[in-house]
C-alpha atoms as a PDB file:
ATOM      1  CA  UNK A   1      41.671 -29.353 -14.960  1.00  0.00           C
ATOM      2  CA  UNK A   2      38.472 -29.438 -17.361  1.00  0.00           C
ATOM      3  CA  UNK A   3      36.333 -26.374 -17.033  1.00  0.00           C
ATOM      4  CA  UNK A   4      32.735 -27.296 -16.473  1.00  0.00           C
ATOM      5  CA  UNK A   5      30.365 -26.350 -19.185  1.00  0.00           C
ATOM      6  CA  UNK A   6      28.423 -23.119 -18.270  1.00  0.00           C
ATOM      7  CA  UNK A   7      24.972 -23.577 -17.243  1.00  0.00           C
ATOM      8  CA  UNK A   8      22.651 -21.355 -19.493  1.00  0.00           C
ATOM      9  CA  UNK A   9      19.953 -18.825 -18.063  1.00  0.00           C
ATOM     10  CA  UNK A  10      16.732 -19.825 -19.397  1.00  0.00           C
ATOM     11  CA  UNK A  11      13.590 -17.710 -19.010  1.00  0.00           C
ATOM     12  CA  UNK A  12      10.090 -19.397 -18.546  1.00  0.00           C
ATOM     13  CA  UNK A  13       7.212 -17.548 -19.209  1.00  0.00           C
ATOM     14  CA  UNK A  14       4.753 -17.542 -16.297  1.00  0.00           C
ATOM     15  CA  UNK A  15       0.881 -16.897 -16.127  1.00  0.00           C
ATOM     16  CA  UNK A  16      -1.276 -14.354 -14.020  1.00  0.00           C
ATOM     17  CA  UNK A  17      -3.833 -16.398 -12.185  1.00  0.00           C
ATOM     18  CA  UNK A  18      -5.969 -15.987  -9.193  1.00  0.00           C
ATOM     19  CA  UNK A  19      -4.860 -17.649  -6.078  1.00  0.00           C
ATOM     20  CA  UNK A  20      -7.533 -19.798  -4.930  1.00  0.00           C
ATOM     21  CA  UNK A  21      -7.368 -19.150  -1.153  1.00  0.00           C
ATOM     22  CA  UNK A  22      -6.604 -15.353  -1.044  1.00  0.00           C
ATOM     23  CA  UNK A  23      -8.325 -14.021  -4.108  1.00  0.00           C
ATOM     24  CA  UNK A  24      -5.431 -12.140  -5.500  1.00  0.00           C
ATOM     25  CA  UNK A  25      -3.303 -12.481  -8.527  1.00  0.00           C
ATOM     26  CA  UNK A  26       0.027 -14.391  -8.558  1.00  0.00           C
ATOM     27  CA  UNK A  27       2.311 -15.224 -11.442  1.00  0.00           C
ATOM     28  CA  UNK A  28       3.368 -18.790 -12.031  1.00  0.00           C
ATOM     29  CA  UNK A  29       3.515 -21.848 -13.914  1.00  0.00           C
ATOM     30  CA  UNK A  30       3.057 -25.504 -13.533  1.00  0.00           C
ATOM     31  CA  UNK A  31       6.096 -27.020 -11.775  1.00  0.00           C
ATOM     32  CA  UNK A  32       6.269 -29.743 -14.403  1.00  0.00           C
ATOM     33  CA  UNK A  33       7.565 -27.078 -16.695  1.00  0.00           C
ATOM     34  CA  UNK A  34      10.370 -26.174 -14.589  1.00  0.00           C
ATOM     35  CA  UNK A  35      11.236 -29.885 -13.527  1.00  0.00           C
ATOM     36  CA  UNK A  36      11.268 -31.012 -17.156  1.00  0.00           C
ATOM     37  CA  UNK A  37      13.591 -28.169 -18.086  1.00  0.00           C
ATOM     38  CA  UNK A  38      15.985 -29.164 -15.207  1.00  0.00           C
ATOM     39  CA  UNK A  39      15.976 -32.851 -16.049  1.00  0.00           C
ATOM     40  CA  UNK A  40      16.418 -32.316 -19.749  1.00  0.00           C
ATOM     41  CA  UNK A  41      18.713 -29.259 -19.883  1.00  0.00           C
ATOM     42  CA  UNK A  42      21.375 -28.353 -17.287  1.00  0.00           C
ATOM     43  CA  UNK A  43      20.290 -24.746 -16.737  1.00  0.00           C
ATOM     44  CA  UNK A  44      19.254 -22.161 -14.541  1.00  0.00           C
ATOM     45  CA  UNK A  45      15.667 -21.454 -15.095  1.00  0.00           C
ATOM     46  CA  UNK A  46      14.365 -17.841 -14.448  1.00  0.00           C
ATOM     47  CA  UNK A  47      10.436 -17.159 -14.055  1.00  0.00           C
ATOM     48  CA  UNK A  48       9.287 -14.399 -16.182  1.00  0.00           C
ATOM     49  CA  UNK A  49       6.343 -12.273 -14.699  1.00  0.00           C
ATOM     50  CA  UNK A  50       3.621 -11.383 -17.073  1.00  0.00           C
ATOM     51  CA  UNK A  51       4.315  -7.832 -16.767  1.00  0.00           C
ATOM     52  CA  UNK A  52       4.132  -6.370 -20.393  1.00  0.00           C
ATOM     53  CA  UNK A  53       5.887  -3.123 -20.886  1.00  0.00           C
ATOM     54  CA  UNK A  54       7.253  -3.054 -17.371  1.00  0.00           C
ATOM     55  CA  UNK A  55       9.988  -5.284 -18.509  1.00  0.00           C
ATOM     56  CA  UNK A  56      12.649  -4.134 -21.099  1.00  0.00           C
ATOM     57  CA  UNK A  57      12.488  -6.903 -23.580  1.00  0.00           C
ATOM     58  CA  UNK A  58      15.957  -5.981 -25.236  1.00  0.00           C
ATOM     59  CA  UNK A  59      17.734  -5.931 -21.965  1.00  0.00           C
ATOM     60  CA  UNK A  60      16.179  -9.343 -20.954  1.00  0.00           C
ATOM     61  CA  UNK A  61      16.954 -10.975 -24.172  1.00  0.00           C
ATOM     62  CA  UNK A  62      20.702  -9.696 -23.806  1.00  0.00           C
ATOM     63  CA  UNK A  63      20.941 -11.155 -20.432  1.00  0.00           C
ATOM     64  CA  UNK A  64      19.421 -14.891 -21.166  1.00  0.00           C
ATOM     65  CA  UNK A  65      20.474 -17.707 -23.203  1.00  0.00           C
ATOM     66  CA  UNK A  66      17.040 -18.980 -24.126  1.00  0.00           C
ATOM     67  CA  UNK A  67      13.417 -18.935 -23.412  1.00  0.00           C
ATOM     68  CA  UNK A  68      10.565 -21.576 -22.734  1.00  0.00           C
ATOM     69  CA  UNK A  69       7.192 -20.218 -23.645  1.00  0.00           C
ATOM     70  CA  UNK A  70       4.945 -22.539 -21.617  1.00  0.00           C
ATOM     71  CA  UNK A  71       1.074 -23.452 -21.788  1.00  0.00           C
ATOM     72  CA  UNK A  72      -1.526 -21.634 -19.667  1.00  0.00           C
ATOM     73  CA  UNK A  73      -5.254 -21.246 -19.300  1.00  0.00           C
ATOM     74  CA  UNK A  74      -5.417 -17.908 -21.006  1.00  0.00           C
ATOM     75  CA  UNK A  75      -5.377 -17.678 -24.620  1.00  0.00           C
ATOM     76  CA  UNK A  76      -3.786 -14.828 -26.916  1.00  0.00           C
ATOM     77  CA  UNK A  77      -6.004 -12.243 -27.278  1.00  0.00           C
ATOM     78  CA  UNK A  78      -7.655 -11.910 -30.877  1.00  0.00           C
ATOM     79  CA  UNK A  79      -6.867  -8.090 -31.295  1.00  0.00           C
ATOM     80  CA  UNK A  80      -3.234  -9.249 -31.812  1.00  0.00           C
ATOM     81  CA  UNK A  81      -4.139 -11.201 -35.085  1.00  0.00           C
ATOM     82  CA  UNK A  82      -7.458  -8.892 -36.314  1.00  0.00           C
ATOM     83  CA  UNK A  83      -9.577 -11.971 -34.944  1.00  0.00           C
ATOM     84  CA  UNK A  84     -13.092 -11.865 -33.775  1.00  0.00           C
ATOM     85  CA  UNK A  85     -13.396 -10.500 -30.092  1.00  0.00           C
ATOM     86  CA  UNK A  86     -13.521 -13.146 -27.180  1.00  0.00           C
ATOM     87  CA  UNK A  87     -16.699 -13.762 -25.289  1.00  0.00           C
ATOM     88  CA  UNK A  88     -17.110 -11.672 -22.190  1.00  0.00           C
ATOM     89  CA  UNK A  89     -16.290 -14.493 -19.794  1.00  0.00           C
ATOM     90  CA  UNK A  90     -12.974 -15.736 -21.750  1.00  0.00           C
ATOM     91  CA  UNK A  91      -9.947 -15.949 -19.682  1.00  0.00           C
ATOM     92  CA  UNK A  92      -7.194 -13.492 -20.772  1.00  0.00           C
ATOM     93  CA  UNK A  93      -3.512 -12.562 -19.701  1.00  0.00           C
ATOM     94  CA  UNK A  94      -2.804  -9.312 -21.367  1.00  0.00           C
ATOM     95  CA  UNK A  95       0.303  -8.953 -19.448  1.00  0.00           C
ATOM     96  CA  UNK A  96       1.725 -12.041 -20.864  1.00  0.00           C
ATOM     97  CA  UNK A  97       0.781 -11.193 -24.331  1.00  0.00           C
ATOM     98  CA  UNK A  98       2.331  -7.555 -24.022  1.00  0.00           C
ATOM     99  CA  UNK A  99       5.571  -9.467 -22.858  1.00  0.00           C
ATOM    100  CA  UNK A 100       5.781 -12.480 -24.935  1.00  0.00           C
ATOM    101  CA  UNK A 101       4.837 -11.438 -28.335  1.00  0.00           C
ATOM    102  CA  UNK A 102       7.594  -8.793 -28.542  1.00  0.00           C
ATOM    103  CA  UNK A 103      10.057 -11.362 -26.831  1.00  0.00           C
ATOM    104  CA  UNK A 104       9.764 -13.662 -29.620  1.00  0.00           C
ATOM    105  CA  UNK A 105      10.596 -10.938 -32.128  1.00  0.00           C
ATOM    106  CA  UNK A 106      13.439  -9.947 -30.270  1.00  0.00           C
ATOM    107  CA  UNK A 107      14.757 -13.395 -29.792  1.00  0.00           C
ATOM    108  CA  UNK A 108      14.784 -13.975 -33.346  1.00  0.00           C
ATOM    109  CA  UNK A 109      16.662 -10.715 -34.085  1.00  0.00           C
ATOM    110  CA  UNK A 110      19.089 -11.551 -31.502  1.00  0.00           C
ATOM    111  CA  UNK A 111      19.394 -15.275 -32.331  1.00  0.00           C
ATOM    112  CA  UNK A 112      18.350 -16.287 -29.083  1.00  0.00           C
ATOM    113  CA  UNK A 113      16.812 -19.924 -28.765  1.00  0.00           C
ATOM    114  CA  UNK A 114      12.950 -20.360 -28.163  1.00  0.00           C
ATOM    115  CA  UNK A 115      10.980 -23.287 -27.476  1.00  0.00           C
ATOM    116  CA  UNK A 116       7.318 -22.746 -27.416  1.00  0.00           C
ATOM    117  CA  UNK A 117       4.970 -25.236 -26.053  1.00  0.00           C
ATOM    118  CA  UNK A 118       1.290 -25.523 -26.414  1.00  0.00           C
ATOM    119  CA  UNK A 119       0.261 -21.671 -25.995  1.00  0.00           C
ATOM    120  CA  UNK A 120       3.876 -21.023 -26.769  1.00  0.00           C
ATOM    121  CA  UNK A 121       3.539 -22.211 -30.421  1.00  0.00           C
ATOM    122  CA  UNK A 122       0.524 -19.815 -30.541  1.00  0.00           C
ATOM    123  CA  UNK A 123       2.568 -16.946 -29.349  1.00  0.00           C
ATOM    124  CA  UNK A 124       5.309 -17.614 -31.868  1.00  0.00           C
ATOM    125  CA  UNK A 125       2.964 -17.783 -34.674  1.00  0.00           C
ATOM    126  CA  UNK A 126       0.978 -14.359 -33.696  1.00  0.00           C
ATOM    127  CA  UNK A 127       4.236 -12.710 -32.955  1.00  0.00           C
ATOM    128  CA  UNK A 128       5.280 -12.951 -36.611  1.00  0.00           C
ATOM    129  CA  UNK A 129       1.815 -12.075 -38.088  1.00  0.00           C
ATOM    130  CA  UNK A 130       0.044 -15.398 -37.914  1.00  0.00           C
ATOM    131  CA  UNK A 131      -3.575 -15.814 -36.970  1.00  0.00           C
ATOM    132  CA  UNK A 132      -5.236 -18.431 -34.590  1.00  0.00           C
ATOM    133  CA  UNK A 133      -8.356 -20.745 -34.823  1.00  0.00           C
ATOM    134  CA  UNK A 134     -10.424 -19.632 -31.675  1.00  0.00           C
ATOM    135  CA  UNK A 135     -12.143 -23.146 -31.252  1.00  0.00           C
ATOM    136  CA  UNK A 136     -10.944 -25.809 -33.252  1.00  0.00           C
ATOM    137  CA  UNK A 137     -13.704 -28.361 -32.271  1.00  0.00           C
ATOM    138  CA  UNK A 138     -16.342 -26.246 -33.448  1.00  0.00           C
ATOM    139  CA  UNK A 139     -14.691 -26.432 -37.004  1.00  0.00           C
ATOM    140  CA  UNK A 140     -16.648 -28.705 -39.277  1.00  0.00           C
ATOM    141  CA  UNK A 141     -13.439 -30.401 -40.698  1.00  0.00           C
ATOM    142  CA  UNK A 142     -11.615 -30.793 -37.225  1.00  0.00           C
ATOM    143  CA  UNK A 143     -11.541 -32.961 -34.430  1.00  0.00           C
ATOM    144  CA  UNK A 144     -11.684 -32.223 -30.801  1.00  0.00           C
ATOM    145  CA  UNK A 145      -8.155 -31.547 -29.451  1.00  0.00           C
ATOM    146  CA  UNK A 146      -9.211 -30.486 -25.978  1.00  0.00           C
ATOM    147  CA  UNK A 147      -8.245 -32.295 -22.749  1.00  0.00           C
ATOM    148  CA  UNK A 148     -11.097 -34.926 -21.455  1.00  0.00           C
ATOM    149  CA  UNK A 149     -14.075 -32.641 -20.437  1.00  0.00           C
ATOM    150  CA  UNK A 150     -14.621 -34.471 -16.943  1.00  0.00           C
ATOM    151  CA  UNK A 151     -13.621 -33.388 -13.472  1.00  0.00           C
ATOM    152  CA  UNK A 152     -12.698 -36.814 -12.314  1.00  0.00           C
ATOM    153  CA  UNK A 153      -9.618 -37.260 -14.798  1.00  0.00           C
ATOM    154  CA  UNK A 154      -6.068 -38.302 -13.911  1.00  0.00           C
ATOM    155  CA  UNK A 155      -3.038 -36.571 -14.891  1.00  0.00           C
ATOM    156  CA  UNK A 156      -2.196 -39.594 -16.835  1.00  0.00           C
ATOM    157  CA  UNK A 157      -5.389 -39.839 -18.720  1.00  0.00           C
ATOM    158  CA  UNK A 158      -4.912 -36.007 -19.536  1.00  0.00           C
ATOM    159  CA  UNK A 159      -1.591 -36.389 -20.917  1.00  0.00           C
ATOM    160  CA  UNK A 160      -2.066 -39.703 -22.617  1.00  0.00           C
ATOM    161  CA  UNK A 161      -0.963 -39.967 -26.208  1.00  0.00           C
ATOM    162  CA  UNK A 162      -4.121 -38.962 -28.112  1.00  0.00           C
ATOM    163  CA  UNK A 163      -3.344 -38.812 -31.872  1.00  0.00           C
ATOM    164  CA  UNK A 164      -0.625 -39.071 -34.754  1.00  0.00           C
ATOM    165  CA  UNK A 165       1.417 -36.200 -36.290  1.00  0.00           C
ATOM    166  CA  UNK A 166       2.971 -36.516 -39.416  1.00  0.00           C
ATOM    167  CA  UNK A 167       6.261 -34.751 -39.835  1.00  0.00           C
ATOM    168  CA  UNK A 168       7.270 -32.729 -42.826  1.00  0.00           C
ATOM    169  CA  UNK A 169       9.542 -34.746 -45.277  1.00  0.00           C
ATOM    170  CA  UNK A 170      13.226 -33.524 -44.829  1.00  0.00           C
ATOM    171  CA  UNK A 171      12.106 -31.318 -41.860  1.00  0.00           C
ATOM    172  CA  UNK A 172      13.699 -30.826 -38.524  1.00  0.00           C
ATOM    173  CA  UNK A 173      11.523 -33.376 -36.728  1.00  0.00           C
ATOM    174  CA  UNK A 174      11.981 -36.018 -39.188  1.00  0.00           C
ATOM    175  CA  UNK A 175      15.899 -35.456 -38.858  1.00  0.00           C
ATOM    176  CA  UNK A 176      15.809 -35.480 -35.009  1.00  0.00           C
ATOM    177  CA  UNK A 177      13.741 -38.673 -34.891  1.00  0.00           C
ATOM    178  CA  UNK A 178      14.330 -40.693 -38.154  1.00  0.00           C
ATOM    179  CA  UNK A 179      10.689 -41.270 -38.002  1.00  0.00           C
ATOM    180  CA  UNK A 180       7.955 -39.826 -40.178  1.00  0.00           C
ATOM    181  CA  UNK A 181       5.091 -39.667 -37.809  1.00  0.00           C
ATOM    182  CA  UNK A 182       4.744 -39.997 -33.826  1.00  0.00           C
ATOM    183  CA  UNK A 183       1.921 -40.022 -31.313  1.00  0.00           C
ATOM    184  CA  UNK A 184       1.344 -36.792 -29.055  1.00  0.00           C
ATOM    185  CA  UNK A 185      -0.695 -35.706 -26.265  1.00  0.00           C
ATOM    186  CA  UNK A 186      -3.528 -33.230 -26.894  1.00  0.00           C
ATOM    187  CA  UNK A 187      -4.929 -30.517 -24.532  1.00  0.00           C
ATOM    188  CA  UNK A 188      -5.848 -27.212 -26.625  1.00  0.00           C
ATOM    189  CA  UNK A 189      -8.846 -25.406 -27.890  1.00  0.00           C
ATOM    190  CA  UNK A 190      -7.178 -22.910 -29.833  1.00  0.00           C
ATOM    191  CA  UNK A 191      -4.613 -23.569 -32.884  1.00  0.00           C
ATOM    192  CA  UNK A 192      -2.398 -22.108 -35.549  1.00  0.00           C
ATOM    193  CA  UNK A 193      -4.449 -20.830 -38.517  1.00  0.00           C
ATOM    194  CA  UNK A 194      -2.497 -18.542 -40.885  1.00  0.00           C
ATOM    195  CA  UNK A 195       1.304 -18.979 -40.661  1.00  0.00           C
ATOM    196  CA  UNK A 196       3.249 -16.379 -39.556  1.00  0.00           C
ATOM    197  CA  UNK A 197       5.961 -14.741 -41.487  1.00  0.00           C
ATOM    198  CA  UNK A 198       9.130 -16.943 -41.683  1.00  0.00           C
ATOM    199  CA  UNK A 199       7.619 -19.926 -40.236  1.00  0.00           C
ATOM    200  CA  UNK A 200       7.630 -23.377 -41.845  1.00  0.00           C
ATOM    201  CA  UNK A 201       5.566 -26.263 -40.683  1.00  0.00           C
ATOM    202  CA  UNK A 202       6.968 -29.165 -39.112  1.00  0.00           C
ATOM    203  CA  UNK A 203       4.208 -31.634 -37.894  1.00  0.00           C
ATOM    204  CA  UNK A 204       0.424 -31.919 -38.842  1.00  0.00           C
ATOM    205  CA  UNK A 205      -2.516 -33.708 -37.079  1.00  0.00           C
ATOM    206  CA  UNK A 206      -4.607 -36.184 -39.301  1.00  0.00           C
ATOM    207  CA  UNK A 207      -7.374 -33.572 -39.563  1.00  0.00           C
ATOM    208  CA  UNK A 208      -4.750 -30.865 -40.685  1.00  0.00           C
ATOM    209  CA  UNK A 209      -4.054 -28.973 -37.556  1.00  0.00           C
ATOM    210  CA  UNK A 210      -0.396 -27.478 -37.407  1.00  0.00           C
ATOM    211  CA  UNK A 211       1.258 -29.227 -34.514  1.00  0.00           C
ATOM    212  CA  UNK A 212       4.770 -28.152 -35.238  1.00  0.00           C
ATOM    213  CA  UNK A 213       6.679 -25.346 -36.718  1.00  0.00           C
ATOM    214  CA  UNK A 214       9.947 -23.541 -36.547  1.00  0.00           C
ATOM    215  CA  UNK A 215      11.525 -20.419 -37.901  1.00  0.00           C
ATOM    216  CA  UNK A 216      13.133 -20.940 -41.288  1.00  0.00           C
ATOM    217  CA  UNK A 217      16.827 -20.343 -40.186  1.00  0.00           C
ATOM    218  CA  UNK A 218      19.092 -23.267 -39.847  1.00  0.00           C
ATOM    219  CA  UNK A 219      21.335 -21.052 -37.698  1.00  0.00           C
ATOM    220  CA  UNK A 220      18.841 -20.720 -34.799  1.00  0.00           C
ATOM    221  CA  UNK A 221      16.595 -22.642 -32.564  1.00  0.00           C
ATOM    222  CA  UNK A 222      13.038 -21.320 -32.565  1.00  0.00           C
ATOM    223  CA  UNK A 223      10.639 -23.929 -32.581  1.00  0.00           C
ATOM    224  CA  UNK A 224       7.014 -24.601 -31.313  1.00  0.00           C
ATOM    225  CA  UNK A 225       4.815 -27.439 -30.664  1.00  0.00           C
ATOM    226  CA  UNK A 226       1.015 -27.822 -29.726  1.00  0.00           C
ATOM    227  CA  UNK A 227       1.270 -30.711 -27.595  1.00  0.00           C
ATOM    228  CA  UNK A 228       2.859 -30.764 -24.028  1.00  0.00           C
ATOM    229  CA  UNK A 229       6.188 -31.604 -24.538  1.00  0.00           C
ATOM    230  CA  UNK A 230       7.114 -30.965 -20.733  1.00  0.00           C
ATOM    231  CA  UNK A 231       5.028 -34.010 -19.813  1.00  0.00           C
ATOM    232  CA  UNK A 232       7.399 -36.917 -19.478  1.00  0.00           C
ATOM    233  CA  UNK A 233       9.693 -35.853 -22.124  1.00  0.00           C
ATOM    234  CA  UNK A 234      12.133 -38.579 -21.454  1.00  0.00           C
ATOM    235  CA  UNK A 235       9.571 -41.074 -22.607  1.00  0.00           C
ATOM    236  CA  UNK A 236       8.744 -39.272 -25.979  1.00  0.00           C
ATOM    237  CA  UNK A 237      11.482 -39.437 -28.651  1.00  0.00           C
ATOM    238  CA  UNK A 238      10.692 -36.134 -30.147  1.00  0.00           C
ATOM    239  CA  UNK A 239       9.890 -34.072 -27.239  1.00  0.00           C
ATOM    240  CA  UNK A 240      13.331 -35.377 -25.740  1.00  0.00           C
ATOM    241  CA  UNK A 241      15.068 -34.360 -28.994  1.00  0.00           C
ATOM    242  CA  UNK A 242      13.820 -31.128 -28.945  1.00  0.00           C
ATOM    243  CA  UNK A 243      14.695 -30.317 -25.474  1.00  0.00           C
ATOM    244  CA  UNK A 244      18.360 -31.456 -26.291  1.00  0.00           C
ATOM    245  CA  UNK A 245      18.554 -29.342 -29.384  1.00  0.00           C
ATOM    246  CA  UNK A 246      17.292 -26.532 -27.415  1.00  0.00           C
ATOM    247  CA  UNK A 247      19.736 -27.161 -24.507  1.00  0.00           C
ATOM    248  CA  UNK A 248      22.555 -27.193 -27.016  1.00  0.00           C
ATOM    249  CA  UNK A 249      21.551 -24.094 -28.719  1.00  0.00           C
ATOM    250  CA  UNK A 250      21.255 -22.233 -25.196  1.00  0.00           C
ATOM    251  CA  UNK A 251      24.663 -23.640 -24.171  1.00  0.00           C
ATOM    252  CA  UNK A 252      26.079 -22.171 -27.333  1.00  0.00           C
ATOM    253  CA  UNK A 253      24.346 -18.868 -26.620  1.00  0.00           C
ATOM    254  CA  UNK A 254      25.673 -18.726 -23.146  1.00  0.00           C
ATOM    255  CA  UNK A 255      29.392 -19.382 -24.248  1.00  0.00           C
ATOM    256  CA  UNK A 256      29.046 -16.664 -26.638  1.00  0.00           C
ATOM    257  CA  UNK A 257      27.548 -14.023 -24.071  1.00  0.00           C
ATOM    258  CA  UNK A 258      30.216 -14.856 -21.478  1.00  0.00           C
ATOM    259  CA  UNK A 259      33.049 -14.504 -24.175  1.00  0.00           C
ATOM    260  CA  UNK A 260      31.699 -11.039 -24.747  1.00  0.00           C
ATOM    261  CA  UNK A 261      30.259 -11.977 -28.146  1.00  0.00           C
ATOM    262  CA  UNK A 262      26.689 -11.008 -27.338  1.00  0.00           C
ATOM    263  CA  UNK A 263      25.757  -7.358 -27.505  1.00  0.00           C
ATOM    264  CA  UNK A 264      24.540  -6.131 -24.028  1.00  0.00           C
END
């Protein structure tokens, strides 16, 4: 009798947000982040509360097989990369910053797979010493990468394919798809500026915004994309391939962990 493959435990970053009805904070993420993960990776997802130092990162990493860093309303605070202070009305999530930034570094040290999406690519970059553009649409040589600025917009329009990204020749994205470029959606205000240590660019938009990156070590999967790969990944060749590659890496990690080859 064949033993079924072990389903990996995948940590999914949550955001602190105010509950509309009761006016108190909740920890949550968009359900599409979980649904797409369940469809694309046969795993057990575990939602991670943005509680900063209240969670022991080393212990968390030792017990998990991979992490998906989701998007979110809040931006990474600029004091993490010596940027200019945010305006007073900027929405922030210091608990998530305090958890995820050291988490990224711990995952790289322990070779635990990480897939960063939208805010997630920015967290990977900042965690490794990189910086961010605060508002890309205010830069003279950049386009507006934000979602449609209307209230009456459908989900399909919000997540529609918006612009091309060009893949690095000989890079992972080109290898996974056999293509040189691809259309992606676009819903972000911030973006990668100075690249973090050990990271390499995998995809760039026509106006020069970094849309994909990875940690430069072929023995581990640490990848970030600026678009929302969780939106209908089955219909997008690269998003689908990245979920598959992440799932393969997470299952390999799970097998090592169960075999006692991972330090507890």
